[in-house]
Amino acid sequence: MEPATLVLHLPKAVLAGDEGLKGFYRRLCEGFAERGGVIRKVPHDRDLLLADLLEDDDFHIVDHGTLRHPRVLNTGIAYFFPYWNLDPHGIRALSSIGAAKFKRSEIDPTEANAFHRRMVRRWVKQRRSRGVQPEVRADVPENCIAVFLQSERDRAVEETCHLDRVSMVKALLRRDDPRPVVIKPHPRDRSPGTREWLTELAARDARVVVCHGNIHDILAKADVTVTINSAVGIESMLHRVPVVLCGQADFHHAAVTVERQFDMDVAIAQATGRRWPYAKFLYWYFRLNCLDAGSPTLIDDVLARIASTGYDINRFRLEAGSGRVRANCHD
């Protein structure tokens, strides 16, 4: 019997040449091949994926996938490099982490606090985010409610929001709360309609401040963050700023989720009225539920995830080895 193949379903742009593979995918391919594994790279086509699965009994890893199948794991960046989802349900908001139990009492506080400090040094102190942020410091009012918009045109947002961005902002402005409401539009949303809507809001309500500044400048002055399910919710936790979500998220365990407009007032009170275990939660989320693309044990970590689906990893007929791969990762 021929050894099983690990099939990677990747974007066409990545498949343009092996030089296009970077970080997680490059190290996965190199490490698997070094142990004698067989890898096949194919374009990710959602419409043809199920048909591809019916043609073989190999194992498939799907970039930005959402398919639930015994021989599939879905993968993508889990908000921050070098951490990746490798998940039976999907990535980020759709990942199975959302249904997992966060047991804070089982997390070592020393390790969690050290991890939190490293993340703060890398992202907060350097004012870095997943997307490019302005270097010029923004003038942000103190003790504000920070609102980070997303676009419902994004398929993942449309499928997971409880309140759309208009309903979310309306619910906030209906509240009897004198604090400034600082709204940051999504950087990729350049539509005139969004600009006109925000300009009109600011003209009608003196609390509204539209800000295009660095995420970290806004969070440094915020009392609470409100978003549908943006990665900024995770960044808010790095600042130890409470989070209110208006959509499905796999990091809801350390936030308050709103499903109806009239629940916003209670949600903000609940979010700001308790002490959240952010260091323990972020350690649990990234270190215990995601894969570190820079880990020297990446191949063994991937194989463990595949084995957890019930697939017999002995079918890959890999040579014995430590599974250790080079740790340089430049995503």
Protein backbone atom coordinates (compact mmCIF):
# COMPACT_ATOMS: atom_id res chain seq x y z
CA MET A 1 0.00 0.00 0.00
CA GLU A 2 1.28 3.44 -0.92
CA PRO A 3 1.95 5.86 1.95
CA ALA A 4 -0.75 8.43 2.63
CA THR A 5 -0.26 11.94 1.30
CA LEU A 6 -0.64 15.19 3.18
CA VAL A 7 -2.62 17.43 0.83
CA LEU A 8 -2.32 21.20 1.29
CA HIS A 9 -5.07 23.34 -0.22
CA LEU A 10 -3.43 26.74 -0.67
CA PRO A 11 -4.25 30.06 -2.36
CA LYS A 12 -3.21 30.26 -6.01
CA ALA A 13 -0.92 33.18 -5.23
CA VAL A 14 1.02 31.02 -2.77
CA LEU A 15 1.27 28.21 -5.31
CA ALA A 16 2.86 30.50 -7.89
CA GLY A 17 6.21 29.09 -6.73
CA ASP A 18 7.80 27.47 -3.72
CA GLU A 19 9.39 30.82 -2.92
CA GLY A 20 5.86 31.95 -2.17
CA LEU A 21 5.62 29.51 0.73
CA LYS A 22 6.59 31.16 3.99
CA GLY A 23 6.39 30.61 7.70
CA PHE A 24 4.02 27.83 8.68
CA TYR A 25 3.58 26.29 5.21
CA ARG A 26 7.25 26.37 4.29
CA ARG A 27 8.33 24.80 7.56
CA LEU A 28 5.54 22.21 7.38
CA CYS A 29 6.60 21.16 3.87
CA GLU A 30 10.31 21.10 4.70
CA GLY A 31 9.89 19.22 7.97
CA PHE A 32 7.45 16.68 6.55
CA ALA A 33 9.68 16.03 3.52
CA GLU A 34 12.78 15.62 5.70
CA ARG A 35 11.05 12.69 7.41
CA GLY A 36 10.14 11.07 4.10
CA GLY A 37 6.56 12.32 3.98
CA VAL A 38 4.66 12.86 0.74
CA ILE A 39 3.06 16.27 0.26
CA ARG A 40 0.77 17.44 -2.53
CA LYS A 41 -0.06 21.14 -2.94
CA VAL A 42 -3.26 22.07 -4.76
CA PRO A 43 -5.23 25.30 -5.27
CA HIS A 44 -7.89 25.91 -2.64
CA ASP A 45 -11.23 25.80 -4.44
CA ARG A 46 -14.20 25.72 -2.04
CA ASP A 47 -16.50 24.38 -4.75
CA LEU A 48 -14.25 21.41 -5.57
CA LEU A 49 -12.94 20.60 -2.10
CA LEU A 50 -15.50 17.94 -1.20
CA ALA A 51 -15.06 16.24 -4.58
CA ASP A 52 -11.30 16.14 -3.99
CA LEU A 53 -11.87 14.42 -0.65
CA LEU A 54 -13.99 11.71 -2.26
CA GLU A 55 -11.19 10.82 -4.66
CA ASP A 56 -8.66 9.72 -2.02
CA ASP A 57 -8.18 8.64 1.58
CA ASP A 58 -5.35 11.08 2.29
CA PHE A 59 -5.37 13.84 4.89
CA HIS A 60 -6.13 17.44 3.85
CA ILE A 61 -5.11 20.76 5.40
CA VAL A 62 -7.14 23.66 4.03
CA ASP A 63 -6.05 27.30 4.09
CA HIS A 64 -8.86 29.49 5.47
CA GLY A 65 -11.18 26.50 5.34
CA THR A 66 -14.53 25.98 7.02
CA LEU A 67 -15.21 22.36 6.07
CA ARG A 68 -15.93 19.83 8.84
CA HIS A 69 -14.74 16.41 7.69
CA PRO A 70 -12.88 13.53 9.41
CA ARG A 71 -9.87 14.00 7.10
CA VAL A 72 -9.69 17.79 7.15
CA LEU A 73 -8.11 20.41 9.36
CA ASN A 74 -8.54 24.10 8.57
CA THR A 75 -5.70 26.50 9.04
CA GLY A 76 -4.89 30.19 9.07
CA ILE A 77 -3.19 32.78 11.24
CA ALA A 78 -4.77 32.94 14.69
CA TYR A 79 -4.80 36.74 14.96
CA PHE A 80 -1.06 37.14 15.68
CA PHE A 81 2.11 35.68 14.20
CA PRO A 82 3.53 33.15 14.79
CA TYR A 83 0.33 31.46 16.07
CA TRP A 84 -1.89 29.47 13.70
CA ASN A 85 -5.17 27.64 13.96
CA LEU A 86 -5.16 23.99 12.84
CA ASP A 87 -8.74 23.21 13.58
CA PRO A 88 -11.55 20.78 12.67
CA HIS A 89 -14.17 23.54 12.47
CA GLY A 90 -12.52 26.62 10.97
CA ILE A 91 -10.26 29.49 11.88
CA ARG A 92 -10.58 32.47 14.22
CA ALA A 93 -14.29 33.20 14.88
CA LEU A 94 -15.29 29.78 13.52
CA SER A 95 -12.64 27.74 15.32
CA SER A 96 -13.51 25.02 17.84
CA ILE A 97 -11.71 27.05 20.53
CA GLY A 98 -14.96 28.96 20.96
CA ALA A 99 -16.64 25.83 22.34
CA ALA A 100 -13.69 24.80 24.52
CA LYS A 101 -13.75 25.31 28.29
CA PHE A 102 -11.34 27.90 29.65
CA LYS A 103 -10.36 26.66 33.11
CA ARG A 104 -8.34 29.50 34.58
CA SER A 105 -7.47 27.53 37.72
CA GLU A 106 -5.45 25.08 35.61
CA ILE A 107 -3.18 27.74 34.07
CA ASP A 108 0.19 28.41 35.69
CA PRO A 109 0.16 32.15 36.59
CA THR A 110 3.94 32.52 36.28
CA GLU A 111 4.00 31.17 32.73
CA ALA A 112 0.88 33.14 31.80
CA ASN A 113 2.25 36.45 33.09
CA ALA A 114 5.57 35.89 31.34
CA PHE A 115 3.74 35.18 28.08
CA HIS A 116 1.60 38.29 28.50
CA ARG A 117 4.70 40.43 29.06
CA ARG A 118 6.31 39.03 25.89
CA MET A 119 3.20 39.79 23.86
CA VAL A 120 3.01 43.31 25.27
CA ARG A 121 6.66 43.94 24.41
CA ARG A 122 6.18 42.68 20.87
CA TRP A 123 2.87 44.34 20.03
CA VAL A 124 1.92 47.09 22.49
CA LYS A 125 5.33 48.62 23.19
CA GLN A 126 6.20 48.61 19.49
CA ARG A 127 2.69 49.89 18.58
CA ARG A 128 2.33 47.04 16.08
CA SER A 129 -0.79 45.27 14.87
CA ARG A 130 -1.77 42.71 12.22
CA GLY A 131 -2.31 45.58 9.80
CA VAL A 132 -0.09 48.59 9.20
CA GLN A 133 -0.72 51.30 11.81
CA PRO A 134 0.06 55.04 11.65
CA GLU A 135 3.32 55.97 13.34
CA VAL A 136 2.15 59.47 14.28
CA ARG A 137 0.57 59.42 17.73
CA ALA A 138 -3.14 60.17 17.73
CA ASP A 139 -4.79 62.60 20.15
CA VAL A 140 -7.38 60.42 21.86
CA PRO A 141 -9.69 61.57 24.70
CA GLU A 142 -9.21 59.90 28.09
CA ASN A 143 -11.61 57.26 29.44
CA CYS A 144 -13.29 56.73 26.12
CA ILE A 145 -15.43 53.91 24.76
CA ALA A 146 -13.37 52.57 21.85
CA VAL A 147 -15.32 51.23 18.89
CA PHE A 148 -13.54 49.32 16.13
CA LEU A 149 -15.57 48.80 12.99
CA GLN A 150 -15.50 45.89 10.58
CA SER A 151 -17.17 45.49 7.23
CA GLU A 152 -20.09 43.14 6.82
CA ARG A 153 -18.90 42.66 3.24
CA ASP A 154 -16.28 40.38 4.76
CA ARG A 155 -17.89 36.93 4.55
CA ALA A 156 -16.55 35.87 7.94
CA VAL A 157 -18.03 38.96 9.62
CA GLU A 158 -21.39 38.71 7.88
CA GLU A 159 -21.81 35.10 8.99
CA THR A 160 -20.86 35.71 12.62
CA CYS A 161 -22.26 39.10 13.69
CA HIS A 162 -25.15 39.42 16.14
CA LEU A 163 -25.37 43.17 15.63
CA ASP A 164 -24.15 44.85 12.47
CA ARG A 165 -21.95 47.92 12.88
CA VAL A 166 -24.84 50.38 12.54
CA SER A 167 -26.92 48.60 15.21
CA MET A 168 -23.85 48.35 17.44
CA VAL A 169 -23.14 52.08 17.29
CA LYS A 170 -26.81 53.00 17.72
CA ALA A 171 -26.98 50.86 20.85
CA LEU A 172 -23.96 52.67 22.27
CA LEU A 173 -25.19 56.17 21.53
CA ARG A 174 -28.63 55.50 23.03
CA ARG A 175 -26.99 54.98 26.39
CA ASP A 176 -26.92 57.74 29.01
CA ASP A 177 -23.13 57.86 29.22
CA PRO A 178 -21.09 61.08 28.90
CA ARG A 179 -17.84 59.32 27.91
CA PRO A 180 -16.39 60.01 24.45
CA VAL A 181 -17.15 57.32 21.86
CA VAL A 182 -14.03 56.98 19.71
CA ILE A 183 -14.81 55.16 16.46
CA LYS A 184 -12.05 53.77 14.26
CA PRO A 185 -13.20 52.71 10.77
CA HIS A 186 -11.70 49.57 9.32
CA PRO A 187 -8.55 50.57 7.38
CA ARG A 188 -9.70 48.70 4.26
CA ASP A 189 -13.14 50.32 4.29
CA ARG A 190 -12.76 53.32 1.99
CA SER A 191 -16.40 53.56 0.94
CA PRO A 192 -17.94 57.06 0.78
CA GLY A 193 -21.01 55.67 2.55
CA THR A 194 -19.04 54.82 5.70
CA ARG A 195 -17.33 58.22 5.69
CA GLU A 196 -20.65 60.05 5.31
CA TRP A 197 -22.31 57.98 8.04
CA LEU A 198 -19.53 58.70 10.53
CA THR A 199 -19.43 62.40 9.64
CA GLU A 200 -23.17 62.63 10.25
CA LEU A 201 -22.86 60.80 13.58
CA ALA A 202 -20.16 63.18 14.79
CA ALA A 203 -22.26 66.20 13.76
CA ARG A 204 -25.29 64.93 15.67
CA ASP A 205 -23.59 63.67 18.83
CA ALA A 206 -20.73 65.57 20.48
CA ARG A 207 -19.48 62.36 22.13
CA VAL A 208 -18.51 60.82 18.79
CA VAL A 209 -14.88 61.13 17.76
CA VAL A 210 -13.84 59.52 14.47
CA CYS A 211 -10.20 58.45 14.73
CA HIS A 212 -7.93 56.82 12.15
CA GLY A 213 -5.00 56.61 14.57
CA ASN A 214 -2.89 53.74 15.80
CA ILE A 215 -4.93 51.06 17.55
CA HIS A 216 -2.63 51.16 20.56
CA ASP A 217 -3.03 54.92 21.02
CA ILE A 218 -6.79 54.42 21.23
CA LEU A 219 -6.62 51.42 23.56
CA ALA A 220 -4.22 53.25 25.87
CA LYS A 221 -7.00 55.76 26.60
CA ALA A 222 -10.00 53.41 26.55
CA ASP A 223 -12.21 52.27 29.42
CA VAL A 224 -13.81 49.56 27.28
CA THR A 225 -13.58 48.21 23.72
CA VAL A 226 -16.64 47.44 21.59
CA THR A 227 -16.40 45.48 18.34
CA ILE A 228 -18.16 42.69 16.47
CA ASN A 229 -15.35 40.14 16.66
CA SER A 230 -12.26 41.95 15.41
CA ALA A 231 -8.73 40.86 16.38
CA VAL A 232 -8.56 44.20 18.20
CA GLY A 233 -10.47 42.42 20.96
CA ILE A 234 -7.33 40.37 21.60
CA GLU A 235 -5.18 43.52 21.44
CA SER A 236 -7.50 45.14 23.95
CA MET A 237 -6.77 42.27 26.33
CA LEU A 238 -3.06 42.99 26.00
CA HIS A 239 -3.87 46.49 27.29
CA ARG A 240 -6.10 44.92 29.99
CA VAL A 241 -9.05 46.89 28.62
CA PRO A 242 -12.44 45.09 28.94
CA VAL A 243 -14.09 43.87 25.74
CA VAL A 244 -17.71 43.81 24.57
CA LEU A 245 -18.36 41.65 21.50
CA CYS A 246 -21.33 41.96 19.16
CA GLY A 247 -20.65 38.76 17.23
CA GLN A 248 -19.47 35.19 17.49
CA ALA A 249 -15.82 34.97 18.56
CA ASP A 250 -13.54 32.19 19.70
CA PHE A 251 -12.09 34.49 22.38
CA HIS A 252 -15.45 35.26 24.02
CA HIS A 253 -14.36 33.54 27.23
CA ALA A 254 -12.71 36.76 28.46
CA ALA A 255 -15.32 39.19 27.14
CA VAL A 256 -19.04 39.97 27.32
CA THR A 257 -21.13 39.16 24.25
CA VAL A 258 -24.15 41.23 23.16
CA GLU A 259 -26.81 39.66 20.94
CA ARG A 260 -29.51 42.38 21.22
CA GLN A 261 -29.20 46.16 21.07
CA PHE A 262 -30.97 46.76 24.38
CA ASP A 263 -28.44 44.58 26.21
CA MET A 264 -25.55 46.95 25.49
CA ASP A 265 -25.88 48.92 28.74
CA VAL A 266 -25.75 45.81 30.91
CA ALA A 267 -22.89 44.37 28.85
CA ILE A 268 -20.68 47.42 29.32
CA ALA A 269 -21.41 47.41 33.05
CA GLN A 270 -20.52 43.72 33.26
CA ALA A 271 -17.34 44.11 31.20
CA THR A 272 -16.02 47.03 33.22
CA GLY A 273 -17.23 45.72 36.56
CA ARG A 274 -14.99 42.69 36.94
CA ARG A 275 -11.33 41.76 36.93
CA TRP A 276 -10.59 39.61 33.89
CA PRO A 277 -7.80 36.97 33.86
CA TYR A 278 -6.31 38.24 30.60
CA ALA A 279 -2.80 36.82 31.05
CA LYS A 280 -4.13 33.33 31.78
CA PHE A 281 -6.66 33.51 28.98
CA LEU A 282 -4.19 34.63 26.30
CA TYR A 283 -1.74 31.94 27.38
CA TRP A 284 -4.53 29.35 27.21
CA TYR A 285 -5.72 30.58 23.80
CA PHE A 286 -2.40 30.88 21.99
CA ARG A 287 -0.03 28.50 23.75
CA LEU A 288 -2.46 25.66 24.48
CA ASN A 289 -4.94 25.89 21.60
CA CYS A 290 -2.92 27.19 18.65
CA LEU A 291 0.25 26.08 16.90
CA ASP A 292 3.44 28.11 17.13
CA ALA A 293 4.87 28.26 13.60
CA GLY A 294 8.26 29.04 15.11
CA SER A 295 8.36 25.96 17.32
CA PRO A 296 11.15 23.43 16.67
CA THR A 297 8.57 20.68 17.31
CA LEU A 298 6.12 21.95 14.68
CA ILE A 299 5.93 18.66 12.74
CA ASP A 300 5.13 16.63 15.85
CA ASP A 301 2.59 19.28 16.87
CA VAL A 302 0.88 19.02 13.47
CA LEU A 303 0.91 15.23 13.60
CA ALA A 304 -0.68 15.33 17.05
CA ARG A 305 -3.49 17.50 15.72
CA ILE A 306 -4.04 15.13 12.80
CA ALA A 307 -4.04 12.12 15.15
CA SER A 308 -6.65 13.83 17.33
CA THR A 309 -9.13 13.57 14.42
CA GLY A 310 -8.82 9.77 14.53
CA TYR A 311 -6.67 9.56 11.39
CA ASP A 312 -3.87 6.97 11.57
CA ILE A 313 -0.69 9.02 11.18
CA ASN A 314 1.32 5.82 10.70
CA ARG A 315 -0.11 5.78 7.21
CA PHE A 316 2.24 8.65 6.32
CA ARG A 317 5.15 6.21 6.88
CA LEU A 318 7.37 8.93 8.26
CA GLU A 319 10.92 8.11 9.21
CA ALA A 320 11.76 8.12 12.89
CA GLY A 321 13.02 11.48 14.06
CA SER A 322 12.65 14.20 16.61
CA GLY A 323 10.28 16.14 14.40
CA ARG A 324 12.33 19.23 15.16
CA VAL A 325 12.55 21.83 12.41
CA ARG A 326 14.41 25.08 12.09
CA ALA A 327 12.89 27.71 14.32
CA ASN A 328 13.43 30.74 12.09
CA CYS A 329 9.97 32.00 11.19
CA HIS A 330 9.43 35.32 9.44
CA ASP A 331 5.70 35.54 8.78
